[in-house]
Protein backbone atom coordinates (compact mmCIF):
# COMPACT_ATOMS: atom_id res chain seq x y z
CA MET A 1 -14.16 52.29 281.77
CA PHE A 2 -16.89 50.19 280.49
CA LEU A 3 -18.27 49.73 284.18
CA SER A 4 -18.05 53.37 285.33
CA SER A 5 -20.07 54.17 282.14
CA SER A 6 -22.79 51.57 282.76
CA CYS A 7 -22.98 52.32 286.64
CA GLY A 8 -23.27 55.97 285.62
CA ASP A 9 -26.19 55.09 283.03
CA ARG A 10 -27.97 52.76 285.44
CA ARG A 11 -27.91 55.80 288.36
CA LYS A 12 -29.27 57.86 285.34
CA ASN A 13 -32.12 55.67 284.43
CA THR A 14 -33.26 54.15 288.07
CA PRO A 15 -34.26 57.14 290.18
CA ASP A 16 -33.91 56.58 293.98
CA SER A 17 -37.68 56.03 294.76
CA ALA A 18 -37.00 57.33 298.25
CA ALA A 19 -36.06 60.92 296.98
CA ALA A 20 -38.66 60.68 293.96
CA THR A 21 -41.95 59.96 296.10
CA PHE A 22 -42.59 62.17 298.74
CA VAL A 23 -44.49 60.64 301.84
CA PRO A 24 -46.32 63.12 304.07
CA PRO A 25 -45.74 62.82 307.61
CA ALA A 26 -48.32 60.96 309.57
CA VAL A 27 -51.20 62.55 311.40
CA THR A 28 -53.13 60.55 314.18
CA GLY A 29 -56.88 60.08 313.72
CA LEU A 30 -57.60 61.22 310.60
CA SER A 31 -61.33 60.56 309.55
CA THR A 32 -62.37 56.75 309.45
CA GLY A 33 -65.93 56.38 309.25
CA THR A 34 -67.17 58.77 312.12
CA GLY A 35 -68.99 60.99 309.87
CA TRP A 36 -66.57 63.70 309.75
CA ASP A 37 -66.68 65.61 305.90
CA GLN A 38 -63.16 65.82 304.76
CA SER A 39 -64.23 69.05 302.81
CA LEU A 40 -63.68 70.70 306.31
CA GLY A 41 -60.08 69.69 306.44
CA ARG A 42 -57.91 67.11 308.64
CA VAL A 43 -58.58 68.59 312.22
CA MET A 44 -60.63 71.34 314.02
CA ILE A 45 -59.15 73.44 316.55
CA VAL A 46 -60.85 74.73 319.86
CA PRO A 47 -59.33 76.94 322.37
CA LEU A 48 -57.53 75.53 325.11
CA ALA A 49 -59.53 75.81 328.42
CA GLY A 50 -58.21 78.77 330.58
CA ASP A 51 -55.86 79.85 327.63
CA SER A 52 -57.29 80.54 324.47
CA SER A 53 -53.72 81.55 323.43
CA LYS A 54 -53.07 77.78 322.35
CA GLY A 55 -55.65 75.29 320.79
CA GLY A 56 -56.78 71.57 321.47
CA VAL A 57 -56.41 69.72 318.43
CA VAL A 58 -59.24 67.98 317.89
CA LEU A 59 -58.58 64.65 316.01
CA PRO A 60 -61.87 63.70 313.84
CA GLY A 61 -61.19 60.51 313.22
CA LEU A 62 -60.89 59.15 316.74
CA THR A 63 -63.75 57.61 319.01
CA ASP A 64 -64.14 57.18 322.58
CA SER A 65 -62.26 54.13 322.40
CA THR A 66 -59.47 55.19 319.91
CA LEU A 67 -58.81 58.46 322.06
CA ALA A 68 -58.57 56.46 325.15
CA SER A 69 -56.00 54.08 323.91
CA THR A 70 -53.77 56.48 322.01
CA ALA A 71 -50.46 57.11 324.18
CA GLN A 72 -48.67 59.24 321.04
CA PHE A 73 -50.24 61.59 318.74
CA GLU A 74 -48.27 62.20 315.54
CA LEU A 75 -48.56 65.80 314.46
CA THR A 76 -45.66 66.68 312.64
CA GLY A 77 -47.84 66.78 309.32
CA LEU A 78 -49.86 69.73 311.05
CA ASP A 79 -47.15 71.90 311.55
CA THR A 80 -46.94 75.58 309.89
CA VAL A 81 -50.61 74.80 308.64
CA SER A 82 -52.89 77.59 308.10
CA VAL A 83 -56.05 77.97 309.70
CA ASP A 84 -59.08 80.33 309.96
CA PHE A 85 -60.80 81.22 313.13
CA PHE A 86 -64.64 81.41 313.76
CA ASN A 87 -66.85 82.74 316.35
CA GLU A 88 -70.48 83.72 316.05
CA GLN A 89 -69.49 86.50 314.30
CA GLY A 90 -68.12 84.63 311.19
CA LEU A 91 -64.53 84.67 310.11
CA VAL A 92 -62.77 86.44 312.57
CA GLY A 93 -58.96 85.93 311.60
CA HIS A 94 -56.12 83.74 310.34
CA GLY A 95 -53.24 82.14 311.75
CA THR A 96 -50.42 79.19 311.45
CA LEU A 97 -50.10 76.42 313.87
CA HIS A 98 -47.19 75.70 315.55
CA VAL A 99 -47.64 71.78 316.67
CA LEU A 100 -45.15 68.66 317.55
CA SER A 101 -45.94 65.13 318.04
CA GLN A 102 -46.66 64.44 321.80
CA HIS A 103 -47.90 62.11 324.39
CA ALA A 104 -51.17 61.63 325.75
CA ASP A 105 -52.21 63.36 329.19
CA PRO A 106 -50.42 61.35 331.91
CA SER A 107 -53.07 62.58 334.51
CA GLY A 108 -55.29 60.08 332.99
CA CYS A 109 -57.90 62.88 332.02
CA LEU A 110 -59.06 62.50 328.21
CA ASN A 111 -57.69 65.55 326.37
CA TRP A 112 -56.82 66.73 322.73
CA PRO A 113 -53.10 67.38 321.96
CA VAL A 114 -52.19 71.15 322.33
CA ALA A 115 -51.09 73.17 319.68
CA ASN A 116 -49.38 77.17 319.70
CA PHE A 117 -49.83 79.68 317.27
CA VAL A 118 -47.28 81.48 315.43
CA ASP A 119 -48.99 84.98 315.85
CA PRO A 120 -51.43 86.30 318.45
CA VAL A 121 -54.81 84.80 317.96
CA PRO A 122 -57.89 86.58 317.64
CA PRO A 123 -60.11 87.69 321.07
CA ALA A 124 -63.14 85.34 321.50
CA TRP A 125 -62.34 82.70 318.67
CA ARG A 126 -64.41 79.51 319.35
CA VAL A 127 -63.29 77.23 316.37
CA ALA A 128 -60.76 77.04 313.78
CA PHE A 129 -60.38 74.99 310.54
CA GLU A 130 -58.02 74.68 307.87
CA SER A 131 -57.98 77.75 305.75
CA GLY A 132 -59.91 78.10 302.78
CA ARG A 133 -62.04 75.10 304.36
CA ALA A 134 -65.17 77.35 304.66
CA SER A 135 -66.75 80.60 304.92
CA GLY A 136 -68.25 82.06 308.19
CA ILE A 137 -71.83 83.30 309.00
CA ALA A 138 -72.72 85.69 311.29
CA LEU A 139 -75.20 84.74 314.08
CA SER A 140 -77.41 87.02 316.10
CA SER A 141 -77.31 86.05 319.94
CA LEU A 142 -80.27 86.27 321.96
CA ALA A 143 -77.97 87.75 324.83
CA ARG A 144 -77.04 90.70 322.38
CA MET A 145 -80.60 91.18 321.67
CA HIS A 146 -82.72 94.13 322.98
CA GLY A 147 -86.63 95.07 322.95
CA ASP A 148 -88.87 93.60 319.92
CA ASP A 149 -85.93 91.72 318.79
CA SER A 150 -85.36 89.87 321.70
CA SER A 151 -89.17 89.30 322.47
CA ARG A 152 -89.59 87.91 318.75
CA PHE A 153 -86.74 85.67 318.94
CA VAL A 154 -88.31 84.06 322.39
CA ASN A 155 -91.80 83.78 320.94
CA ASP A 156 -90.41 82.19 317.96
CA ALA A 157 -88.08 79.40 319.87
CA LEU A 158 -91.46 78.69 321.90
CA GLN A 159 -93.44 78.68 318.80
CA ALA A 160 -91.09 75.95 317.61
CA ALA A 161 -90.99 74.31 321.00
CA THR A 162 -94.84 73.62 321.47
CA PRO A 163 -95.13 70.51 319.31
CA LEU A 164 -92.59 69.08 321.26
CA GLY A 165 -94.03 69.72 324.41
CA ASN A 166 -95.85 65.75 324.91
CA ILE A 167 -92.69 64.11 323.95
CA GLY A 168 -89.84 63.00 326.43
CA ASP A 169 -90.28 62.19 330.25
CA ALA A 170 -93.77 62.10 330.96
CA ALA A 171 -92.73 64.15 334.45
CA PHE A 172 -92.32 67.19 332.22
CA ARG A 173 -95.60 67.28 329.85
CA GLY A 174 -97.61 70.08 330.35
CA LEU A 175 -94.96 72.37 331.80
CA PRO A 176 -94.03 75.64 330.04
CA PHE A 177 -90.76 76.30 328.39
CA SER A 178 -88.36 79.02 328.82
CA VAL A 179 -85.53 79.93 326.47
CA LYS A 180 -82.22 79.78 328.08
CA ARG A 181 -80.29 81.16 325.24
CA GLY A 182 -80.33 81.12 321.53
CA SER A 183 -78.95 82.52 318.23
CA ARG A 184 -80.33 83.23 314.80
CA ILE A 185 -78.77 82.66 311.31
CA ASN A 186 -78.84 85.68 309.46
CA GLY A 187 -79.06 85.94 305.53
CA GLY A 188 -79.93 83.09 303.25
CA ALA A 189 -83.39 81.82 301.62
CA SER A 190 -84.86 80.93 305.22
CA SER A 191 -84.65 81.87 308.79
CA ILE A 192 -82.97 79.36 311.07
CA ILE A 193 -82.99 79.76 315.12
CA ILE A 194 -81.27 77.60 317.43
CA ALA A 195 -82.40 77.63 321.08
CA GLU A 196 -81.90 75.84 324.56
CA VAL A 197 -85.37 75.61 326.09
CA VAL A 198 -85.95 74.57 329.53
CA ARG A 199 -88.56 72.91 331.53
CA LYS A 200 -88.36 72.24 335.59
CA ILE A 201 -90.13 70.43 338.34
CA ASN A 202 -89.63 72.73 341.21
CA GLU A 203 -89.87 69.99 344.05
CA GLU A 204 -87.63 70.67 347.05
CA ALA A 205 -86.78 66.99 347.47
CA ASN A 206 -86.45 65.89 343.75
CA PRO A 207 -85.78 69.00 341.63
CA ARG A 208 -85.36 67.90 338.01
CA GLU A 209 -84.91 69.92 334.86
CA GLU A 210 -85.29 68.94 331.13
CA HIS A 211 -83.34 70.73 328.54
CA SER A 212 -83.74 70.73 324.94
CA LEU A 213 -81.66 72.17 321.90
CA ILE A 214 -83.82 73.15 318.89
CA LEU A 215 -82.96 73.93 315.63
CA ALA A 216 -86.05 75.48 313.96
CA GLU A 217 -86.32 76.78 310.49
CA ARG A 218 -88.87 79.04 308.59
CA PRO A 219 -88.87 78.72 304.68
CA SER A 220 -89.01 82.01 303.21
CA GLY A 221 -92.66 83.09 302.77
CA SER A 222 -93.87 81.41 305.80
CA SER A 223 -94.96 82.80 308.92
CA THR A 224 -94.06 79.58 310.93
CA TYR A 225 -91.00 77.89 312.61
CA ARG A 226 -90.69 74.09 312.46
CA ALA A 227 -88.51 72.05 314.54
CA MET A 228 -85.61 70.46 312.19
CA PHE A 229 -83.65 68.82 314.92
CA THR A 230 -83.88 68.15 318.34
CA THR A 231 -81.99 66.68 321.26
CA ARG A 232 -83.13 66.27 324.89
CA SER A 233 -81.57 65.64 328.51
CA ALA A 234 -83.07 65.63 331.89
CA GLY A 235 -82.39 64.96 335.31
CA LYS A 236 -81.06 66.85 337.98
CA GLU A 237 -79.04 70.31 336.88
CA GLU A 238 -75.57 69.27 337.77
CA SER A 239 -75.91 66.29 335.55
CA LEU A 240 -77.64 67.27 332.56
CA GLU A 241 -76.03 67.71 329.02
CA THR A 242 -76.10 71.11 327.78
CA THR A 243 -75.24 72.64 324.32
CA ASP A 244 -73.80 75.91 322.95
CA VAL A 245 -73.45 77.49 319.56
CA LEU A 246 -69.59 78.04 318.64
CA ALA A 247 -70.09 78.96 314.68
CA ALA A 248 -71.90 78.67 311.81
CA LEU A 249 -70.34 77.79 308.57
CA GLN A 250 -70.74 77.26 304.71
CA MET A 251 -68.25 74.44 303.91
CA LYS A 252 -66.40 74.99 300.59
CA PRO A 253 -66.63 73.94 297.69
CA ALA A 254 -70.67 72.98 297.99
CA ASN A 255 -71.44 75.56 300.66
CA GLN A 256 -73.12 73.13 302.59
CA LEU A 257 -74.72 74.71 305.86
CA VAL A 258 -72.98 73.58 308.97
CA VAL A 259 -73.34 74.52 312.66
CA VAL A 260 -70.51 74.00 315.20
CA ILE A 261 -72.02 72.89 318.76
CA SER A 262 -70.22 72.06 322.07
CA ILE A 263 -71.97 69.32 324.00
CA ASP A 264 -71.02 69.69 327.61
CA TYR A 265 -71.41 67.54 330.69
CA GLU A 266 -70.57 67.52 334.15
CA ASP A 267 -67.00 66.62 333.91
CA GLY A 268 -66.37 67.10 330.07
CA GLY A 269 -67.71 67.64 326.60
CA LYS A 270 -67.40 66.84 323.10
CA ILE A 271 -68.04 68.92 319.62
CA GLY A 272 -70.68 68.23 317.05
CA LEU A 273 -71.24 69.53 313.71
CA LEU A 274 -75.06 69.86 312.66
CA GLU A 275 -75.48 69.66 308.90
CA LYS A 276 -78.38 70.84 306.70
CA SER A 277 -78.57 67.50 304.84
CA SER A 278 -81.30 68.45 302.46
CA PRO A 279 -83.77 71.58 301.90
CA THR A 280 -86.05 70.03 304.64
CA ALA A 281 -83.66 68.06 307.25
CA TRP A 282 -80.81 68.56 309.55
CA LYS A 283 -78.64 65.95 311.16
CA LEU A 284 -75.88 65.43 313.66
CA ARG A 285 -73.44 64.71 311.33
CA TRP A 286 -70.43 64.29 313.33
CA LYS A 287 -69.59 64.04 316.93
CA SER A 288 -66.11 64.03 318.45
CA ALA A 289 -64.49 61.87 321.29
CA TYR A 290 -65.08 62.49 324.60
CA THR A 291 -62.49 64.64 326.37
CA GLY A 292 -62.62 65.55 330.25
CA CYS A 293 -61.93 63.63 333.49
């Protein structure tokens, strides 16, 4: 009786540490020094090429080299996670991930692991984050502008590009810019435009192009746009780096303004986050690992 009582007391006063401590399932590629802002959650989801009913799970802590060396993606900690879907119109829907741990693509190409969704996804979604991490901001796309709105956007973009005309490859200096595509961020204390502008050298033997992404801002009360962030790529058309805007967001809880962009190369690409880092500056806060062949 004494031994039984003693054992009973010992069990009561010494809880099973395994039962008392919850260890969340591991997730590969949680952010570690890549510049990812954890306010946006653990992962980003992008539509799978050719099948937007599924998503590529972008793991923000992986670099080019660590993605290439990853043989197994541990993802059970993301299963049943709620997500918000965004595109140029802002927030366009909600969903729930269904994702399992999986091996890397055996083909030798670098690809993000694949997630399914419990319910049908909204049409034309461009990016998703864990629910409640950000609010969407509507963009006005140049492709949908008409008349005066379209002309005004082109003029604003060319105004912002003009001071950059003598920067970069000397072969393009003095050549006129044209606007390939762009968007205007609606609302806020200032007006923001994001445009891809192009200059061309039309030599039959050696045609070349220069593509520049320009984010320009016009403070309230000003009539002039000033380039706050630019990137440039020059060479043959098929080898150029091109960019596209996926969504504009305000990260919670600080309402930090972020623009999500895709960075596309000939055989693959990356995802980037442009962040308004101060009232007068923008920077490329984070860039994903390269995926492609």
